[in-house]
């Protein structure tokens, strides 16, 4: 189970790196309506996406390194801490989108939580749960 969660983390974070850093213009188009893409803020979002992608790359590398060095961490509390940190990373991505999703239900919102954004929103929630549940198992 640990290996599966670490693989899922590594892949999900690598996908985040891809969309935020390598394909940052496509990411920006997901969250900025077409009518607002000709502003300087749109270009700022593209560049700030690269910054966010860097964090995703670091978390992907961490999970790959953990997979390659499973025996290095031989204490359950160590695994609980590492998994908890992953849960927080996924959870903040989900949590900060909750207000936007609520605004969407009222017909408002900075971006629409549907399609690809709904997939990201849901996957971050599930990854948070997987990591938190496994962290709890290791902790207790």
Protein backbone atom coordinates (compact mmCIF):
# COMPACT_ATOMS: atom_id res chain seq x y z
CA UNK A 1 0.00 0.00 0.00
CA UNK A 2 2.85 2.40 0.86
CA UNK A 3 4.49 1.89 -2.52
CA UNK A 4 1.22 2.51 -4.37
CA UNK A 5 0.59 5.79 -2.53
CA UNK A 6 4.18 6.94 -3.16
CA UNK A 7 3.86 6.12 -6.87
CA UNK A 8 0.53 7.96 -7.07
CA UNK A 9 2.09 10.95 -5.29
CA UNK A 10 5.10 10.99 -7.62
CA UNK A 11 2.95 10.76 -10.74
CA UNK A 12 0.43 13.37 -9.56
CA UNK A 13 3.14 15.85 -8.58
CA UNK A 14 4.97 15.20 -11.88
CA UNK A 15 1.72 15.95 -13.71
CA UNK A 16 1.46 19.17 -11.68
CA UNK A 17 5.00 20.10 -12.68
CA UNK A 18 4.12 19.46 -16.31
CA UNK A 19 0.97 21.56 -16.33
CA UNK A 20 2.25 24.41 -14.14
CA UNK A 21 5.83 24.71 -15.42
CA UNK A 22 6.14 23.15 -18.85
CA UNK A 23 2.62 23.87 -20.10
CA UNK A 24 2.00 26.98 -18.01
CA UNK A 25 0.14 28.80 -20.77
CA UNK A 26 -2.39 25.96 -21.00
CA UNK A 27 -2.79 26.05 -17.21
CA UNK A 28 -3.43 29.79 -17.33
CA UNK A 29 -6.07 29.28 -20.02
CA UNK A 30 -7.85 26.84 -17.71
CA UNK A 31 -8.34 29.45 -15.02
CA UNK A 32 -8.58 32.72 -16.97
CA UNK A 33 -11.63 33.35 -19.17
CA UNK A 34 -10.84 34.17 -22.80
CA UNK A 35 -12.03 37.77 -22.37
CA UNK A 36 -9.31 38.45 -19.77
CA UNK A 37 -6.30 36.84 -21.45
CA UNK A 38 -5.02 40.01 -23.12
CA UNK A 39 -4.01 41.62 -19.82
CA UNK A 40 -0.54 41.74 -18.22
CA UNK A 41 -1.95 39.73 -15.32
CA UNK A 42 -2.41 36.75 -17.65
CA UNK A 43 1.33 36.70 -18.38
CA UNK A 44 2.05 37.05 -14.65
CA UNK A 45 -0.10 33.99 -13.97
CA UNK A 46 1.81 32.03 -16.60
CA UNK A 47 5.13 32.86 -14.92
CA UNK A 48 3.82 32.25 -11.38
CA UNK A 49 2.56 28.84 -12.54
CA UNK A 50 6.18 27.91 -13.23
CA UNK A 51 6.97 28.75 -9.60
CA UNK A 52 4.18 26.44 -8.41
CA UNK A 53 5.43 23.74 -10.78
CA UNK A 54 8.80 23.84 -9.06
CA UNK A 55 7.20 22.79 -5.79
CA UNK A 56 5.42 19.96 -7.58
CA UNK A 57 8.72 18.81 -9.07
CA UNK A 58 10.32 18.79 -5.62
CA UNK A 59 7.48 16.72 -4.15
CA UNK A 60 7.62 14.32 -7.10
CA UNK A 61 11.37 13.89 -6.60
CA UNK A 62 10.85 13.34 -2.87
CA UNK A 63 8.34 10.55 -3.49
CA UNK A 64 10.55 8.92 -6.12
CA UNK A 65 13.50 9.03 -3.72
CA UNK A 66 11.35 7.54 -0.97
CA UNK A 67 10.34 4.72 -3.33
CA UNK A 68 13.97 4.03 -4.15
CA UNK A 69 14.99 4.08 -0.49
CA UNK A 70 12.15 2.37 1.36
CA UNK A 71 14.45 0.74 3.90
CA UNK A 72 16.10 4.03 4.85
CA UNK A 73 13.03 4.97 6.84
CA UNK A 74 12.55 2.00 9.13
CA UNK A 75 10.45 3.71 11.77
CA UNK A 76 6.66 3.94 11.49
CA UNK A 77 6.69 7.49 12.88
CA UNK A 78 9.06 8.56 10.09
CA UNK A 79 6.63 7.25 7.47
CA UNK A 80 3.69 8.85 9.27
CA UNK A 81 5.44 12.24 9.13
CA UNK A 82 6.39 11.93 5.46
CA UNK A 83 2.89 10.83 4.48
CA UNK A 84 1.33 13.57 6.60
CA UNK A 85 3.40 16.19 4.76
CA UNK A 86 2.12 14.79 1.44
CA UNK A 87 -1.44 14.91 2.82
CA UNK A 88 -0.97 18.56 3.74
CA UNK A 89 0.42 19.38 0.28
CA UNK A 90 -2.56 17.76 -1.44
CA UNK A 91 -4.98 19.09 1.16
CA UNK A 92 -3.95 22.71 0.72
CA UNK A 93 -4.42 22.42 -3.04
CA UNK A 94 -7.91 21.06 -2.42
CA UNK A 95 -8.73 23.36 0.48
CA UNK A 96 -7.86 26.60 -1.27
CA UNK A 97 -10.16 25.59 -4.14
CA UNK A 98 -13.15 24.96 -1.85
CA UNK A 99 -14.14 28.66 -1.62
CA UNK A 100 -13.92 28.95 -5.41
CA UNK A 101 -16.14 25.88 -5.83
CA UNK A 102 -18.65 27.36 -3.37
CA UNK A 103 -18.61 30.64 -5.30
CA UNK A 104 -19.25 28.63 -8.49
CA UNK A 105 -22.45 27.27 -6.99
CA UNK A 106 -23.61 30.89 -6.52
CA UNK A 107 -22.75 31.68 -10.15
CA UNK A 108 -19.54 33.50 -9.18
CA UNK A 109 -15.91 32.51 -8.77
CA UNK A 110 -12.50 33.41 -10.08
CA UNK A 111 -12.38 30.25 -12.21
CA UNK A 112 -14.77 27.41 -12.89
CA UNK A 113 -14.30 24.19 -10.92
CA UNK A 114 -15.47 21.93 -13.75
CA UNK A 115 -13.86 19.72 -16.37
CA UNK A 116 -10.10 19.57 -15.85
CA UNK A 117 -10.27 21.79 -12.75
CA UNK A 118 -12.87 19.49 -11.17
CA UNK A 119 -10.60 16.52 -11.91
CA UNK A 120 -7.68 18.31 -10.21
CA UNK A 121 -9.89 19.37 -7.30
CA UNK A 122 -11.20 15.82 -6.78
CA UNK A 123 -7.82 14.12 -7.24
CA UNK A 124 -6.15 16.41 -4.70
CA UNK A 125 -8.91 15.54 -2.22
CA UNK A 126 -8.47 11.80 -2.81
CA UNK A 127 -4.67 12.02 -2.60
CA UNK A 128 -5.03 13.93 0.67
CA UNK A 129 -7.24 11.15 2.02
CA UNK A 130 -4.92 8.34 0.85
CA UNK A 131 -1.86 9.95 2.41
CA UNK A 132 -3.64 10.94 5.63
CA UNK A 133 -5.16 7.48 6.08
CA UNK A 134 -1.82 5.76 5.54
CA UNK A 135 -0.09 8.27 7.84
CA UNK A 136 -2.68 7.45 10.53
CA UNK A 137 -2.08 3.73 10.08
CA UNK A 138 1.67 4.24 10.54
CA UNK A 139 1.14 6.62 13.46
CA UNK A 140 -1.22 4.39 15.39
